[in-house]
Protein backbone atom coordinates (compact mmCIF):
# COMPACT_ATOMS: atom_id res chain seq x y z
CA UNK A 1 100.72 -95.10 -13.87
CA UNK A 2 97.51 -93.85 -15.41
CA UNK A 3 96.59 -90.53 -13.83
CA UNK A 4 94.43 -87.42 -14.18
CA UNK A 5 93.78 -84.29 -12.13
CA UNK A 6 90.47 -84.00 -10.26
CA UNK A 7 88.42 -81.24 -8.67
CA UNK A 8 89.39 -81.14 -4.99
CA UNK A 9 86.16 -79.27 -4.09
CA UNK A 10 84.05 -82.38 -4.70
CA UNK A 11 85.36 -85.12 -2.40
CA UNK A 12 83.51 -88.43 -2.71
CA UNK A 13 83.35 -91.21 -0.18
CA UNK A 14 82.40 -94.87 -0.13
CA UNK A 15 79.18 -93.84 1.62
CA UNK A 16 78.11 -92.12 -1.60
CA UNK A 17 78.39 -95.43 -3.45
CA UNK A 18 81.34 -94.22 -5.47
CA UNK A 19 82.95 -97.65 -5.53
CA UNK A 20 81.69 -99.75 -2.62
CA UNK A 21 78.43 -100.33 -0.81
CA UNK A 22 79.93 -99.44 2.56
CA UNK A 23 82.62 -97.38 4.17
CA UNK A 24 84.49 -98.03 7.41
CA UNK A 25 82.72 -98.45 10.73
CA UNK A 26 83.91 -96.50 13.77
CA UNK A 27 87.36 -97.67 14.87
CA UNK A 28 88.15 -99.67 11.71
CA UNK A 29 91.38 -99.41 9.77
CA UNK A 30 91.77 -95.92 8.20
CA UNK A 31 93.56 -97.31 5.15
CA UNK A 32 96.50 -94.90 5.27
CA UNK A 33 99.42 -93.88 7.45
CA UNK A 34 99.51 -90.58 9.30
CA UNK A 35 103.24 -90.08 8.69
CA UNK A 36 104.68 -92.37 6.01
CA UNK A 37 108.41 -92.55 5.48
CA UNK A 38 108.11 -91.77 1.73
CA UNK A 39 105.37 -91.90 -0.92
CA UNK A 40 106.26 -94.05 -3.90
CA UNK A 41 104.97 -92.81 -7.25
CA UNK A 42 104.22 -96.14 -8.96
CA UNK A 43 105.36 -99.67 -9.60
CA UNK A 44 108.54 -99.66 -11.65
CA UNK A 45 108.84 -103.34 -12.62
CA UNK A 46 108.51 -106.91 -11.34
CA UNK A 47 111.45 -109.32 -11.06
CA UNK A 48 111.32 -113.05 -11.85
CA UNK A 49 113.79 -115.88 -12.20
CA UNK A 50 113.39 -118.52 -14.94
CA UNK A 51 115.71 -121.17 -16.37
CA UNK A 52 114.78 -120.67 -20.05
CA UNK A 53 115.02 -117.07 -21.25
CA UNK A 54 114.33 -118.04 -24.86
CA UNK A 55 110.99 -119.61 -23.94
CA UNK A 56 110.20 -116.64 -21.69
CA UNK A 57 110.85 -114.22 -24.55
CA UNK A 58 108.59 -116.14 -26.97
CA UNK A 59 105.68 -115.93 -24.52
CA UNK A 60 106.45 -112.29 -23.70
CA UNK A 61 106.22 -111.27 -27.34
CA UNK A 62 103.05 -113.34 -27.83
CA UNK A 63 101.50 -111.69 -24.75
CA UNK A 64 102.37 -108.23 -26.11
CA UNK A 65 105.59 -107.09 -24.44
CA UNK A 66 108.47 -105.46 -26.24
CA UNK A 67 112.07 -106.28 -25.38
CA UNK A 68 113.98 -103.40 -23.80
CA UNK A 69 117.26 -105.32 -23.38
CA UNK A 70 118.55 -108.88 -23.45
CA UNK A 71 121.76 -110.48 -22.19
CA UNK A 72 122.88 -114.00 -21.35
CA UNK A 73 121.64 -113.54 -17.80
CA UNK A 74 118.59 -111.25 -18.02
CA UNK A 75 115.63 -110.27 -20.18
CA UNK A 76 114.08 -106.81 -19.73
CA UNK A 77 110.51 -106.40 -21.01
CA UNK A 78 108.67 -103.14 -21.67
CA UNK A 79 105.39 -101.63 -22.80
CA UNK A 80 104.75 -98.91 -25.37
CA UNK A 81 104.53 -96.10 -22.82
CA UNK A 82 107.71 -94.23 -22.03
CA UNK A 83 109.25 -94.74 -18.60
CA UNK A 84 110.38 -97.89 -16.81
CA UNK A 85 110.54 -101.45 -18.11
CA UNK A 86 107.64 -103.63 -16.95
CA UNK A 87 109.54 -106.75 -15.98
CA UNK A 88 112.98 -108.31 -15.66
CA UNK A 89 113.46 -112.06 -15.95
CA UNK A 90 116.81 -113.29 -14.64
CA UNK A 91 118.27 -116.64 -15.61
CA UNK A 92 118.24 -119.13 -12.73
CA UNK A 93 117.87 -122.83 -11.97
CA UNK A 94 114.19 -122.62 -10.99
CA UNK A 95 111.16 -120.51 -11.88
CA UNK A 96 110.21 -118.13 -9.09
CA UNK A 97 108.97 -114.62 -8.36
CA UNK A 98 111.67 -112.45 -6.82
CA UNK A 99 109.77 -109.29 -5.92
CA UNK A 100 108.42 -105.88 -6.98
CA UNK A 101 110.32 -102.67 -7.62
CA UNK A 102 108.59 -99.35 -6.89
CA UNK A 103 109.47 -95.98 -8.40
CA UNK A 104 110.57 -93.29 -5.97
CA UNK A 105 108.97 -89.90 -6.53
CA UNK A 106 112.29 -88.11 -5.89
CA UNK A 107 115.94 -89.10 -5.58
CA UNK A 108 116.20 -87.93 -1.90
CA UNK A 109 113.49 -90.49 -1.01
CA UNK A 110 116.13 -93.20 -1.40
CA UNK A 111 118.38 -91.49 1.12
CA UNK A 112 115.47 -91.19 3.54
CA UNK A 113 114.72 -94.91 3.18
CA UNK A 114 118.38 -95.81 3.65
CA UNK A 115 118.72 -93.76 6.84
CA UNK A 116 115.53 -95.21 8.34
CA UNK A 117 116.16 -98.86 7.46
CA UNK A 118 119.93 -99.17 7.47
CA UNK A 119 119.92 -100.22 3.81
CA UNK A 120 122.40 -98.89 1.28
CA UNK A 121 121.74 -96.76 -1.80
CA UNK A 122 123.49 -98.40 -4.72
CA UNK A 123 123.53 -98.44 -8.51
CA UNK A 124 120.71 -100.32 -10.22
CA UNK A 125 121.65 -102.54 -13.15
CA UNK A 126 118.75 -101.80 -15.48
CA UNK A 127 118.22 -100.11 -18.85
CA UNK A 128 118.68 -96.40 -18.18
CA UNK A 129 120.58 -96.90 -14.91
CA UNK A 130 119.77 -95.13 -11.66
CA UNK A 131 119.86 -95.84 -7.93
CA UNK A 132 118.07 -98.41 -5.77
CA UNK A 133 117.42 -99.31 -2.13
CA UNK A 134 116.72 -103.00 -1.37
CA UNK A 135 114.22 -103.76 1.40
CA UNK A 136 112.35 -106.78 2.76
CA UNK A 137 108.64 -106.64 3.56
CA UNK A 138 107.20 -108.49 6.62
CA UNK A 139 106.28 -111.47 4.41
CA UNK A 140 109.95 -111.89 3.47
CA UNK A 141 109.42 -110.64 -0.10
CA UNK A 142 112.29 -108.50 -1.49
CA UNK A 143 111.08 -105.00 -2.36
CA UNK A 144 113.17 -102.51 -4.30
CA UNK A 145 112.64 -98.76 -4.49
CA UNK A 146 114.34 -97.24 -7.52
CA UNK A 147 115.03 -93.83 -9.00
CA UNK A 148 115.98 -94.04 -12.65
CA UNK A 149 118.58 -91.91 -14.37
CA UNK A 150 117.01 -92.21 -17.85
CA UNK A 151 113.54 -93.28 -18.96
CA UNK A 152 112.74 -95.45 -21.96
CA UNK A 153 111.23 -93.55 -24.92
CA UNK A 154 107.64 -94.22 -25.96
CA UNK A 155 106.89 -96.67 -28.78
CA UNK A 156 104.06 -96.61 -31.39
CA UNK A 157 100.66 -97.39 -29.88
CA UNK A 158 97.98 -99.89 -30.82
CA UNK A 159 95.23 -97.46 -31.83
CA UNK A 160 91.80 -97.85 -30.20
CA UNK A 161 88.95 -98.73 -32.55
CA UNK A 162 86.45 -96.04 -33.53
CA UNK A 163 83.06 -97.18 -32.20
CA UNK A 164 79.48 -96.31 -33.12
CA UNK A 165 77.07 -95.71 -30.23
CA UNK A 166 73.33 -95.54 -30.90
CA UNK A 167 72.82 -92.44 -33.05
CA UNK A 168 76.41 -91.29 -32.49
CA UNK A 169 77.94 -92.54 -35.74
CA UNK A 170 81.68 -91.91 -35.76
CA UNK A 171 82.53 -94.58 -38.32
CA UNK A 172 80.78 -94.75 -41.69
CA UNK A 173 81.65 -96.53 -44.95
CA UNK A 174 84.45 -98.35 -43.11
CA UNK A 175 84.31 -101.91 -41.78
CA UNK A 176 85.60 -102.89 -38.35
CA UNK A 177 88.42 -105.47 -38.62
CA UNK A 178 90.66 -105.64 -35.52
CA UNK A 179 93.88 -107.45 -36.34
CA UNK A 180 94.49 -110.92 -34.90
CA UNK A 181 97.76 -109.99 -33.25
CA UNK A 182 99.29 -109.72 -29.77
CA UNK A 183 97.68 -107.19 -27.43
CA UNK A 184 100.28 -104.45 -27.34
CA UNK A 185 101.18 -103.90 -23.66
CA UNK A 186 101.19 -100.24 -22.67
CA UNK A 187 102.43 -100.48 -19.06
CA UNK A 188 102.52 -102.49 -15.86
CA UNK A 189 99.37 -101.80 -13.86
CA UNK A 190 99.45 -103.81 -10.64
CA UNK A 191 100.66 -106.88 -8.79
CA UNK A 192 98.73 -109.13 -6.39
CA UNK A 193 100.50 -110.86 -3.49
CA UNK A 194 99.49 -113.48 -0.92
CA UNK A 195 100.75 -113.30 2.66
CA UNK A 196 100.32 -115.10 5.97
CA UNK A 197 100.96 -111.84 7.87
CA UNK A 198 98.45 -109.58 6.16
CA UNK A 199 98.08 -106.92 8.88
CA UNK A 200 101.84 -106.51 9.32
CA UNK A 201 102.48 -106.42 5.58
CA UNK A 202 99.70 -103.89 5.03
CA UNK A 203 101.08 -101.60 7.76
CA UNK A 204 104.55 -101.82 6.19
CA UNK A 205 103.43 -100.75 2.71
CA UNK A 206 101.40 -97.88 4.18
CA UNK A 207 104.00 -96.70 6.69
CA UNK A 208 107.15 -97.26 4.62
CA UNK A 209 106.03 -96.60 1.04
CA UNK A 210 103.13 -94.22 1.74
CA UNK A 211 100.51 -96.20 -0.17
CA UNK A 212 96.79 -95.85 0.65
CA UNK A 213 93.88 -98.29 0.56
CA UNK A 214 91.10 -98.03 -2.02
CA UNK A 215 89.05 -101.04 -0.85
CA UNK A 216 89.08 -103.61 1.93
CA UNK A 217 87.62 -107.12 1.87
CA UNK A 218 86.55 -108.85 5.09
CA UNK A 219 85.32 -112.39 5.69
CA UNK A 220 81.60 -112.97 6.10
CA UNK A 221 80.80 -113.03 9.82
CA UNK A 222 84.35 -111.99 10.77
CA UNK A 223 84.41 -108.25 10.05
CA UNK A 224 85.27 -107.51 13.66
CA UNK A 225 88.59 -109.33 13.13
CA UNK A 226 89.59 -106.83 10.47
CA UNK A 227 90.19 -107.03 6.72
CA UNK A 228 91.83 -109.95 4.93
CA UNK A 229 92.43 -108.23 1.60
CA UNK A 230 93.34 -104.70 0.54
CA UNK A 231 93.47 -102.98 -2.85
CA UNK A 232 96.18 -100.33 -2.45
CA UNK A 233 97.09 -97.34 -4.62
CA UNK A 234 99.84 -94.76 -4.66
CA UNK A 235 99.14 -91.39 -3.05
CA UNK A 236 99.66 -88.52 -5.49
CA UNK A 237 97.30 -86.09 -3.79
CA UNK A 238 94.75 -84.57 -6.19
CA UNK A 239 96.17 -86.56 -9.11
CA UNK A 240 93.91 -89.57 -9.74
CA UNK A 241 95.81 -92.85 -10.16
CA UNK A 242 94.99 -96.53 -10.62
CA UNK A 243 92.47 -97.96 -8.14
CA UNK A 244 95.18 -100.40 -7.10
CA UNK A 245 98.88 -100.66 -7.81
CA UNK A 246 99.25 -103.47 -5.29
CA UNK A 247 96.67 -105.88 -3.87
CA UNK A 248 97.34 -108.24 -0.98
CA UNK A 249 95.30 -110.95 0.65
CA UNK A 250 95.67 -113.29 3.61
CA UNK A 251 96.33 -116.90 2.69
CA UNK A 252 98.45 -119.95 3.42
CA UNK A 253 101.05 -119.01 0.80
CA UNK A 254 103.55 -116.19 0.43
CA UNK A 255 104.34 -114.35 -2.77
CA UNK A 256 103.08 -113.82 -6.28
CA UNK A 257 99.44 -114.33 -7.32
CA UNK A 258 99.24 -112.40 -10.61
CA UNK A 259 100.29 -109.20 -12.34
CA UNK A 260 98.31 -106.97 -14.71
CA UNK A 261 99.29 -105.05 -17.85
CA UNK A 262 97.26 -102.34 -19.53
CA UNK A 263 96.26 -102.57 -23.20
CA UNK A 264 94.29 -100.21 -25.43
CA UNK A 265 90.70 -101.46 -25.29
CA UNK A 266 88.35 -104.45 -25.22
CA UNK A 267 89.15 -105.43 -28.81
CA UNK A 268 92.86 -105.51 -27.98
CA UNK A 269 92.07 -107.85 -25.08
CA UNK A 270 89.83 -110.11 -27.19
CA UNK A 271 91.92 -110.24 -30.37
CA UNK A 272 95.09 -110.70 -28.33
CA UNK A 273 93.40 -113.52 -26.45
CA UNK A 274 92.51 -115.28 -29.70
CA UNK A 275 96.14 -114.91 -30.77
CA UNK A 276 97.34 -116.52 -27.51
CA UNK A 277 94.79 -119.35 -27.70
CA UNK A 278 95.84 -120.18 -31.26
CA UNK A 279 99.39 -120.63 -29.98
CA UNK A 280 98.39 -123.08 -27.28
CA UNK A 281 98.50 -120.89 -24.19
CA UNK A 282 95.92 -121.47 -21.45
CA UNK A 283 93.38 -118.88 -20.36
CA UNK A 284 92.89 -118.86 -16.60
CA UNK A 285 89.76 -116.68 -16.52
CA UNK A 286 87.97 -114.12 -18.69
CA UNK A 287 86.91 -112.07 -20.53
CA UNK A 288 84.93 -109.98 -18.00
CA UNK A 289 84.72 -106.72 -16.06
CA UNK A 290 85.79 -106.47 -12.43
CA UNK A 291 83.77 -104.80 -9.68
CA UNK A 292 86.54 -103.26 -7.56
CA UNK A 293 88.68 -101.32 -10.03
CA UNK A 294 86.14 -101.84 -12.87
CA UNK A 295 88.80 -103.15 -15.27
CA UNK A 296 88.00 -105.21 -18.33
CA UNK A 297 90.14 -108.32 -17.80
CA UNK A 298 91.50 -111.53 -19.27
CA UNK A 299 93.91 -113.84 -17.37
CA UNK A 300 96.49 -116.22 -18.86
CA UNK A 301 99.15 -118.66 -17.65
CA UNK A 302 102.65 -118.46 -19.07
CA UNK A 303 104.75 -121.62 -19.70
CA UNK A 304 106.15 -121.36 -16.15
CA UNK A 305 102.60 -121.26 -14.73
CA UNK A 306 102.70 -117.60 -13.67
CA UNK A 307 99.37 -115.78 -14.11
CA UNK A 308 99.31 -112.51 -16.12
CA UNK A 309 96.36 -110.24 -16.89
CA UNK A 310 95.49 -108.02 -19.82
CA UNK A 311 93.31 -105.12 -18.65
CA UNK A 312 91.75 -101.91 -19.96
CA UNK A 313 89.47 -99.12 -18.69
CA UNK A 314 90.33 -99.18 -14.98
CA UNK A 315 89.12 -96.77 -12.27
CA UNK A 316 91.27 -93.78 -11.26
CA UNK A 317 91.07 -92.39 -7.70
CA UNK A 318 92.61 -89.30 -6.08
CA UNK A 319 93.51 -89.04 -2.40
CA UNK A 320 90.06 -87.75 -1.45
CA UNK A 321 88.39 -91.12 -2.03
CA UNK A 322 88.05 -93.06 1.22
CA UNK A 323 88.38 -96.84 1.51
CA UNK A 324 85.37 -98.99 0.77
CA UNK A 325 84.52 -102.14 2.72
CA UNK A 326 82.87 -105.26 1.30
CA UNK A 327 82.69 -108.99 2.06
CA UNK A 328 85.06 -111.24 0.12
CA UNK A 329 83.35 -113.58 -2.35
CA UNK A 330 84.08 -115.20 -5.69
CA UNK A 331 80.83 -113.82 -7.11
CA UNK A 332 81.93 -110.31 -6.12
CA UNK A 333 84.94 -110.38 -8.42
CA UNK A 334 83.16 -109.45 -11.65
CA UNK A 335 80.17 -107.46 -12.93
CA UNK A 336 79.89 -109.74 -15.95
CA UNK A 337 81.78 -112.56 -17.55
CA UNK A 338 82.16 -116.29 -16.87
CA UNK A 339 82.30 -117.48 -13.24
CA UNK A 340 85.74 -117.25 -11.65
CA UNK A 341 87.61 -120.48 -12.32
CA UNK A 342 89.20 -122.71 -9.69
CA UNK A 343 92.53 -122.04 -11.37
CA UNK A 344 92.13 -118.28 -10.93
CA UNK A 345 91.01 -118.69 -7.32
CA UNK A 346 93.91 -121.01 -6.52
CA UNK A 347 91.41 -123.62 -5.40
CA UNK A 348 92.72 -126.62 -7.32
CA UNK A 349 93.70 -129.25 -4.71
CA UNK A 350 97.20 -130.69 -4.72
CA UNK A 351 99.55 -132.32 -2.20
CA UNK A 352 101.72 -129.21 -2.29
CA UNK A 353 98.71 -127.00 -1.45
CA UNK A 354 97.75 -129.27 1.48
CA UNK A 355 101.31 -129.11 2.84
CA UNK A 356 101.28 -125.32 2.46
CA UNK A 357 98.03 -125.03 4.44
CA UNK A 358 99.29 -127.32 7.22
CA UNK A 359 102.53 -125.34 7.55
CA UNK A 360 100.60 -122.09 7.72
CA UNK A 361 98.21 -123.35 10.42
CA UNK A 362 101.15 -124.50 12.55
CA UNK A 363 103.18 -121.32 12.06
CA UNK A 364 103.34 -117.98 13.85
CA UNK A 365 101.14 -115.93 11.55
CA UNK A 366 97.62 -114.52 11.11
CA UNK A 367 96.01 -117.60 9.57
CA UNK A 368 93.97 -119.84 11.86
CA UNK A 369 91.25 -122.42 11.29
CA UNK A 370 88.39 -119.91 11.43
CA UNK A 371 90.01 -117.65 8.88
CA UNK A 372 90.96 -120.56 6.63
CA UNK A 373 87.36 -121.80 6.64
CA UNK A 374 86.17 -118.25 5.99
CA UNK A 375 88.50 -117.93 2.99
CA UNK A 376 87.30 -121.27 1.62
CA UNK A 377 83.67 -120.20 2.04
CA UNK A 378 84.38 -116.90 0.26
CA UNK A 379 85.95 -118.64 -2.72
CA UNK A 380 82.82 -120.80 -3.07
CA UNK A 381 80.28 -118.00 -2.63
């Protein structure tokens, strides 16, 4: 997790336009738990299942991952930063997202989780070893909390380019020639999930894992019904961390939307994107700069249709920053860049999508016709 220490004597709030036009109104969700069970330190890795590990490894290397370990049944991917792997892909009959793994701040946190949930603390089968507690969030998504015995060592970095700004000339008599090569992944930044039980899932991540909200989205004309999306970060007190480690939004589906991986700078994003395009991969959306989180971004689909993001230059918030509130809209996703695509928004119609919507509207969850229409309006606004 990217982090830095801040001055605790200068707390900023959403009302001071630090990151959102508005803060909470009286009685709205505070965005944090009063007494969380534990406070996770970061995402550790994401787990997937795919039938073809060879094909998965080719894309992973083209996207910019390194390989931490490989067996007949699993592929562990890593970034250049020391610490945890970014992703594990397990061999299976179908392609699917299994769930996220979060890093416990301390080993006793696993015991605390086990006592409170009835789960067991067991060995984790991952490079470096360690212990893990397996949980299930209210959406039915498996969530692991791990404490690793040994961390992966750091690898050589992709160096940022030296830039000239106005009269600030840092590069002279040298041409700028970024290599056409994969964007070298540094670390896993965040994951985005969809859920039909947004309020329950949000409460679980705040109460169980001690995460806190950076920004809420509400539907236009439905703010009194509460938020439908939250950008959530880890709570490390005065240490500033990523604007969001996890984002969740209400929708007819359950599970993975996309995951994001930090690279060095804009040139790494752009040159790496050219490298991917030359090899036939499909860009989903980009290049641009987000509003909430401020990241430079570029989104791609892998051969199994999972969406992955390269990002750089994201916001870092400490605990003092209060949640911002803003209406959900497609136009509010980026400061600049091409319009958000239907592929990125998940708005491409299909029989499977229609069946998913009908099941959600008939089920016992938080999605109803008014909210569905509000989500559709937001994605077209």
